[in-house]
Amino acid sequence: MRRKWVFPLTLLAFVAVAGAFCLWGWLNPLRSLASLRRVDGFPLYVMRYYGGYGFGDYLQQDLPDRADGLRQGLAPAWACTCFAALNPQGSLVFGRNFDWTTRAALLLFTDPPDGYASASMVDITYLGFGSGEPSWNDRQRLLRAPYLPFDGVNERGLAVGMMAVEAQPGHDPHKKTIGSLEAVRLVLDYARDVDEAVSLLQGYNIDFRDGPGLHYLLADVSGHSAVVEFVAGQMVVLRNQRPWQVSTNFSLSEVKPEGALAPCRRYNTVWSRLEVTQGRLSPSEAMDLLEEVAQTGGVSPTQWSVVYDMAGGRIRVVVGRQYERMHEFLLRMWR
């Protein structure tokens, strides 16, 4: 008589296991979306992404085959400032102003199973978010946020930020192609330092067709930094010669500025300050410097200012130029 129950019990076990796998597949996305909280009326949100987001598999595809809709026509009116203050007697900080029209911002924490944990700032206007409170249906779009980092730091102390600039990237048919923001995710997830980040970027074509050209500032806790640009079909790497480096919205490899004599007020202001301090800045001094070069009018006012403490993992964020209302967060660093 017992044998009559073998098939039903086996089927029940199979259904239970399948259901568990299905539930597990939805558990991390649900936990991620449930973690979303609004910390500033600008708005600024914070979310922790649980589990992986398939970026390693995504890198195996090639851009022409994708229909991800993630970049949605980025406008060419950006004007941003990035700097790295790397004197070991200071705090090893990376500062960044993102300048554009009013945007909804997200500080995203990720910890993928195949990469490093990181924190990154995301412009979630591209995901359809504005000033209104998102519904649960709206929140589902945030599962694509890991693919849209504009700047960030990872647990190994590598920081990266991007700025709009004229760029002429080459195309190697033997390399995979990734988007300009996916390049930021690439280095945050898989690079321990500037050298590894540069090596990773050299392994891909960077596509700028859906937005402005970009260059990137990279920095790490060993005191190394580099600006990565794309000129005449070649990737150009400009490494720091001093315990600091600055980049705004002109090509350093083409203009070759001498000291604080660049065609950009923001660049000259930051360069002069870092020269005086020899790259020694505290996080609060770094935020003060970002406030000094923040843009308050025109087509690209400063949307967020962020200071990443590359050694300690502390993150300071100001949105909407409200520098009296600074938000602080912590990324647990590699031990």
Protein backbone atom coordinates (compact mmCIF):
# COMPACT_ATOMS: atom_id res chain seq x y z
CA MET A 1 0.00 0.00 0.00
CA ARG A 2 2.85 2.38 0.79
CA ARG A 3 4.10 2.25 -2.79
CA LYS A 4 0.98 4.06 -3.93
CA TRP A 5 2.27 7.18 -2.20
CA VAL A 6 5.70 7.19 -3.85
CA PHE A 7 4.69 9.19 -6.93
CA PRO A 8 2.52 11.78 -5.11
CA LEU A 9 5.20 12.32 -2.45
CA THR A 10 7.91 12.67 -5.08
CA LEU A 11 5.76 15.15 -6.97
CA LEU A 12 5.05 17.08 -3.78
CA ALA A 13 8.76 17.22 -2.96
CA PHE A 14 9.54 18.45 -6.46
CA VAL A 15 6.89 21.16 -6.21
CA ALA A 16 8.21 22.23 -2.81
CA VAL A 17 11.79 22.47 -4.05
CA ALA A 18 10.72 24.33 -7.18
CA GLY A 19 8.65 26.70 -5.07
CA ALA A 20 11.57 27.31 -2.74
CA PHE A 21 13.84 28.16 -5.67
CA CYS A 22 11.17 30.46 -7.09
CA LEU A 23 10.71 32.17 -3.72
CA TRP A 24 14.48 32.51 -3.29
CA GLY A 25 14.72 34.08 -6.72
CA TRP A 26 12.30 36.80 -5.67
CA LEU A 27 13.52 37.17 -2.09
CA ASN A 28 16.58 39.32 -2.78
CA PRO A 29 14.76 41.67 -5.21
CA LEU A 30 11.98 42.11 -2.65
CA ARG A 31 14.48 42.76 0.14
CA SER A 32 16.25 45.27 -2.08
CA LEU A 33 13.12 47.21 -2.95
CA ALA A 34 11.90 47.10 0.65
CA SER A 35 15.17 48.71 1.78
CA LEU A 36 14.48 51.89 -0.19
CA ARG A 37 14.15 54.96 2.01
CA ARG A 38 13.92 58.65 1.29
CA VAL A 39 16.42 60.67 3.32
CA ASP A 40 16.01 64.09 1.73
CA GLY A 41 13.16 65.88 -0.01
CA PHE A 42 15.36 66.77 -2.99
CA PRO A 43 14.76 63.78 -3.39
CA LEU A 44 17.67 61.63 -2.23
CA TYR A 45 17.02 57.93 -1.68
CA VAL A 46 19.17 55.17 -0.23
CA MET A 47 18.82 51.51 -1.17
CA ARG A 48 20.77 48.35 -0.45
CA TYR A 49 20.80 45.87 -3.31
CA TYR A 50 20.78 42.29 -2.00
CA GLY A 51 22.37 39.51 -4.03
CA GLY A 52 23.71 39.67 -7.55
CA TYR A 53 22.45 41.55 -10.59
CA GLY A 54 24.01 39.46 -13.36
CA PHE A 55 26.67 41.95 -14.36
CA GLY A 56 29.27 39.27 -15.09
CA ASP A 57 26.90 37.54 -17.51
CA TYR A 58 25.89 40.91 -18.94
CA LEU A 59 29.51 41.64 -19.84
CA GLN A 60 29.57 38.56 -22.05
CA GLN A 61 27.01 40.14 -24.36
CA ASP A 62 27.78 42.86 -26.90
CA LEU A 63 26.07 46.24 -26.95
CA PRO A 64 24.41 46.02 -30.40
CA ASP A 65 22.54 42.93 -29.21
CA ARG A 66 21.15 44.67 -26.14
CA ALA A 67 17.77 46.28 -25.70
CA ASP A 68 18.30 47.40 -22.11
CA GLY A 69 16.99 50.95 -22.47
CA LEU A 70 19.23 52.08 -19.66
CA ARG A 71 20.97 55.10 -21.11
CA GLN A 72 17.95 56.83 -22.66
CA GLY A 73 19.67 59.71 -24.44
CA LEU A 74 21.96 61.33 -21.90
CA ALA A 75 22.16 65.07 -22.60
CA PRO A 76 25.46 66.84 -23.41
CA ALA A 77 24.96 69.68 -20.91
CA TRP A 78 26.86 68.12 -18.02
CA ALA A 79 29.48 70.13 -16.17
CA CYS A 80 31.07 68.19 -13.33
CA THR A 81 34.10 68.37 -11.03
CA CYS A 82 36.12 65.48 -9.62
CA PHE A 83 39.26 65.51 -7.51
CA ALA A 84 41.35 63.12 -5.47
CA ALA A 85 43.32 64.36 -2.43
CA LEU A 86 45.88 61.64 -1.81
CA ASN A 87 48.47 62.94 0.64
CA PRO A 88 48.83 60.15 3.24
CA GLN A 89 48.88 62.80 5.99
CA GLY A 90 45.34 63.70 4.95
CA SER A 91 42.21 61.58 4.72
CA LEU A 92 42.54 60.10 1.20
CA VAL A 93 39.33 61.56 -0.15
CA PHE A 94 37.59 61.63 -3.50
CA GLY A 95 35.29 64.60 -4.11
CA ARG A 96 32.71 64.97 -6.81
CA ASN A 97 30.09 67.51 -7.93
CA PHE A 98 27.47 66.27 -10.37
CA ASP A 99 26.16 69.29 -12.25
CA TRP A 100 23.04 69.14 -14.38
CA THR A 101 19.32 69.88 -14.31
CA THR A 102 17.20 68.79 -11.33
CA ARG A 103 17.42 65.03 -10.86
CA ALA A 104 16.24 62.37 -8.44
CA ALA A 105 19.29 60.82 -6.75
CA LEU A 106 19.95 57.43 -5.20
CA LEU A 107 22.87 56.27 -3.05
CA LEU A 108 23.05 52.57 -3.89
CA PHE A 109 24.88 49.94 -1.83
CA THR A 110 25.72 46.71 -3.66
CA ASP A 111 27.59 43.54 -2.66
CA PRO A 112 27.51 41.08 -5.58
CA PRO A 113 28.69 37.51 -4.98
CA ASP A 114 31.19 37.78 -7.84
CA GLY A 115 32.57 41.26 -7.10
CA TYR A 116 33.44 43.88 -4.50
CA ALA A 117 30.92 45.69 -2.34
CA SER A 118 30.50 49.34 -3.27
CA ALA A 119 28.44 52.48 -2.83
CA SER A 120 27.53 54.59 -5.85
CA MET A 121 25.42 57.60 -6.73
CA VAL A 122 22.76 56.98 -9.38
CA ASP A 123 20.65 59.47 -11.34
CA ILE A 124 17.33 57.61 -11.17
CA THR A 125 15.54 60.13 -13.36
CA TYR A 126 16.56 57.74 -16.15
CA LEU A 127 14.44 55.11 -14.44
CA GLY A 128 11.40 57.38 -14.45
CA PHE A 129 11.68 58.79 -10.94
CA GLY A 130 10.92 62.39 -10.03
CA SER A 131 9.95 64.21 -6.86
CA GLY A 132 6.93 62.02 -6.10
CA GLU A 133 6.96 59.04 -3.77
CA PRO A 134 7.43 55.85 -5.85
CA SER A 135 4.80 53.15 -5.71
CA TRP A 136 5.74 49.49 -5.37
CA ASN A 137 5.26 49.06 -9.12
CA ASP A 138 7.60 52.01 -9.69
CA ARG A 139 10.22 50.51 -7.41
CA GLN A 140 10.74 47.54 -9.68
CA ARG A 141 12.64 49.78 -12.09
CA LEU A 142 15.25 50.30 -9.38
CA LEU A 143 16.45 46.72 -9.94
CA ARG A 144 18.29 48.18 -12.95
CA ALA A 145 20.03 50.84 -10.85
CA PRO A 146 23.34 48.91 -10.49
CA TYR A 147 23.92 49.49 -14.22
CA LEU A 148 23.72 53.29 -13.87
CA PRO A 149 26.44 54.44 -11.43
CA PHE A 150 27.71 57.98 -11.99
CA ASP A 151 30.42 57.82 -9.32
CA GLY A 152 31.29 55.58 -6.40
CA VAL A 153 33.79 53.80 -4.17
CA ASN A 154 34.30 50.11 -3.48
CA GLU A 155 35.38 48.21 -0.40
CA ARG A 156 39.01 48.09 -1.58
CA GLY A 157 39.18 51.88 -1.56
CA LEU A 158 38.98 52.45 -5.32
CA ALA A 159 36.92 55.52 -6.26
CA VAL A 160 35.71 56.63 -9.69
CA GLY A 161 33.80 59.53 -11.18
CA MET A 162 32.93 60.56 -14.71
CA MET A 163 32.67 63.95 -16.44
CA ALA A 164 31.40 65.01 -19.85
CA VAL A 165 34.05 65.83 -22.44
CA GLU A 166 34.62 65.47 -26.16
CA ALA A 167 35.71 61.88 -26.77
CA GLN A 168 36.67 59.84 -29.83
CA PRO A 169 36.82 56.21 -28.74
CA GLY A 170 38.11 53.53 -31.04
CA HIS A 171 36.42 50.24 -31.81
CA ASP A 172 38.26 46.93 -31.63
CA PRO A 173 36.14 44.12 -33.15
CA HIS A 174 37.89 41.65 -30.85
CA LYS A 175 36.59 43.36 -27.71
CA LYS A 176 33.17 43.41 -26.13
CA THR A 177 31.38 46.77 -26.04
CA ILE A 178 29.91 48.27 -22.88
CA GLY A 179 28.15 51.55 -22.18
CA SER A 180 29.78 54.56 -20.56
CA LEU A 181 28.06 54.05 -17.20
CA GLU A 182 28.58 50.31 -17.27
CA ALA A 183 32.31 51.13 -17.35
CA VAL A 184 31.91 52.67 -13.90
CA ARG A 185 30.19 49.50 -12.65
CA LEU A 186 32.97 47.41 -14.20
CA VAL A 187 35.71 49.03 -12.13
CA LEU A 188 33.65 49.23 -8.93
CA ASP A 189 32.84 45.53 -9.04
CA TYR A 190 36.15 44.10 -10.21
CA ALA A 191 39.09 46.47 -9.61
CA ARG A 192 41.14 46.66 -6.42
CA ASP A 193 43.20 49.65 -7.48
CA VAL A 194 43.89 52.08 -10.32
CA ASP A 195 46.12 49.67 -12.22
CA GLU A 196 43.44 46.98 -12.25
CA ALA A 197 40.79 49.52 -13.23
CA VAL A 198 42.85 50.75 -16.18
CA SER A 199 43.51 47.17 -17.28
CA LEU A 200 39.80 46.35 -17.15
CA LEU A 201 38.85 49.42 -19.18
CA GLN A 202 41.47 48.55 -21.79
CA GLY A 203 39.69 45.24 -22.34
CA TYR A 204 36.44 46.80 -23.62
CA ASN A 205 35.15 49.21 -26.21
CA ILE A 206 33.33 52.07 -24.44
CA ASP A 207 30.22 53.21 -26.26
CA PHE A 208 29.13 56.88 -26.04
CA ARG A 209 26.50 56.86 -28.77
CA ASP A 210 23.57 57.35 -26.40
CA GLY A 211 25.07 60.26 -24.49
CA PRO A 212 27.99 62.67 -24.27
CA GLY A 213 31.58 61.57 -24.39
CA LEU A 214 33.12 61.04 -20.97
CA HIS A 215 36.42 60.80 -19.24
CA TYR A 216 36.97 59.17 -15.86
CA LEU A 217 38.98 59.98 -12.75
CA LEU A 218 40.15 56.93 -10.80
CA ALA A 219 41.89 56.96 -7.41
CA ASP A 220 42.90 54.42 -4.77
CA VAL A 221 44.17 54.26 -1.20
CA SER A 222 47.77 53.65 -2.26
CA GLY A 223 47.92 57.26 -3.47
CA HIS A 224 47.61 56.50 -7.17
CA SER A 225 45.12 58.17 -9.49
CA ALA A 226 44.56 58.50 -13.22
CA VAL A 227 42.36 60.31 -15.69
CA VAL A 228 41.25 57.99 -18.49
CA GLU A 229 40.36 59.70 -21.78
CA PHE A 230 39.55 58.63 -25.34
CA VAL A 231 41.33 60.66 -28.00
CA ALA A 232 41.67 59.91 -31.73
CA GLY A 233 40.53 56.33 -31.25
CA GLN A 234 42.95 55.62 -28.42
CA MET A 235 42.55 55.29 -24.69
CA VAL A 236 44.88 57.73 -22.96
CA VAL A 237 45.84 57.31 -19.31
CA LEU A 238 47.13 60.37 -17.43
CA ARG A 239 48.53 59.35 -14.04
CA ASN A 240 49.01 61.69 -11.11
CA GLN A 241 52.40 63.33 -10.70
CA ARG A 242 51.49 64.87 -7.34
CA PRO A 243 49.52 63.64 -4.32
CA TRP A 244 46.35 64.98 -5.94
CA GLN A 245 44.57 65.10 -9.27
CA VAL A 246 41.72 67.17 -10.68
CA SER A 247 39.44 66.77 -13.68
CA THR A 248 36.48 68.75 -15.00
CA ASN A 249 35.09 69.13 -18.52
CA PHE A 250 38.02 69.49 -20.87
CA SER A 251 40.50 66.96 -22.20
CA LEU A 252 43.66 67.06 -20.09
CA SER A 253 45.63 65.16 -22.72
CA GLU A 254 44.78 67.73 -25.38
CA VAL A 255 44.83 70.99 -23.40
CA LYS A 256 47.80 70.02 -21.17
CA PRO A 257 47.18 72.75 -18.58
CA GLU A 258 50.09 74.14 -16.58
CA GLY A 259 49.06 74.35 -12.96
CA ALA A 260 46.00 76.52 -12.37
CA LEU A 261 45.99 77.93 -15.90
CA ALA A 262 43.30 75.72 -17.41
CA PRO A 263 40.31 77.01 -19.41
CA CYS A 264 37.99 76.14 -16.48
CA ARG A 265 37.47 78.17 -13.31
CA ARG A 266 36.44 75.10 -11.31
CA TYR A 267 39.58 73.21 -12.27
CA ASN A 268 41.81 76.15 -11.40
CA THR A 269 40.14 76.69 -8.02
CA VAL A 270 40.49 73.04 -6.97
CA TRP A 271 44.03 72.73 -8.34
CA SER A 272 45.15 75.84 -6.45
CA ARG A 273 43.69 74.63 -3.16
CA LEU A 274 45.26 71.20 -3.48
CA GLU A 275 48.61 72.73 -4.38
CA VAL A 276 48.55 74.85 -1.21
CA THR A 277 47.68 71.85 0.96
CA GLN A 278 49.81 69.41 -1.07
CA GLY A 279 46.85 67.11 -1.36
CA ARG A 280 45.97 67.13 2.34
CA LEU A 281 42.25 67.54 2.94
CA SER A 282 39.88 66.33 5.60
CA PRO A 283 36.45 65.13 4.43
CA SER A 284 34.87 68.35 5.72
CA GLU A 285 37.46 70.45 3.88
CA ALA A 286 36.78 68.43 0.73
CA MET A 287 33.07 69.21 1.01
CA ASP A 288 33.88 72.88 1.55
CA LEU A 289 35.91 72.83 -1.65
CA LEU A 290 33.03 71.23 -3.54
CA GLU A 291 30.75 73.95 -2.23
CA GLU A 292 33.19 76.60 -3.46
CA VAL A 293 33.08 75.25 -7.02
CA ALA A 294 29.40 74.31 -7.01
CA GLN A 295 27.36 75.84 -9.81
CA THR A 296 24.24 77.67 -8.73
CA GLY A 297 22.75 78.78 -12.05
CA GLY A 298 22.79 78.21 -15.78
CA VAL A 299 21.80 74.95 -17.43
CA SER A 300 23.87 72.74 -15.10
CA PRO A 301 23.56 73.66 -11.42
CA THR A 302 25.12 71.23 -8.96
CA GLN A 303 22.72 68.39 -8.15
CA TRP A 304 24.80 66.47 -5.67
CA SER A 305 28.15 66.80 -3.94
CA VAL A 306 29.69 63.64 -2.54
CA VAL A 307 32.90 62.99 -0.61
CA TYR A 308 34.16 59.42 -0.43
CA ASP A 309 36.62 58.59 2.35
CA MET A 310 38.51 55.92 0.44
CA ALA A 311 40.24 54.48 3.50
CA GLY A 312 37.51 54.66 6.11
CA GLY A 313 34.44 54.12 3.95
CA ARG A 314 32.53 57.16 5.21
CA ILE A 315 30.39 58.84 2.59
CA ARG A 316 29.09 62.40 2.85
CA VAL A 317 26.34 63.53 0.47
CA VAL A 318 24.74 66.93 -0.10
CA VAL A 319 21.90 67.36 -2.58
CA GLY A 320 20.51 70.53 -4.09
CA ARG A 321 23.45 72.59 -2.74
CA GLN A 322 22.01 72.47 0.77
CA TYR A 323 25.44 72.26 2.40
CA GLU A 324 24.05 72.90 5.86
CA ARG A 325 22.17 69.57 5.54
CA MET A 326 24.77 66.89 4.93
CA HIS A 327 23.93 63.17 5.03
CA GLU A 328 26.50 60.62 6.20
CA PHE A 329 26.71 56.91 5.43
CA LEU A 330 29.21 54.09 5.85
CA LEU A 331 30.53 51.43 3.49
CA ARG A 332 32.25 48.60 5.33
CA MET A 333 35.76 48.36 3.90
CA TRP A 334 37.82 45.28 3.14
CA ARG A 335 39.59 43.83 6.17
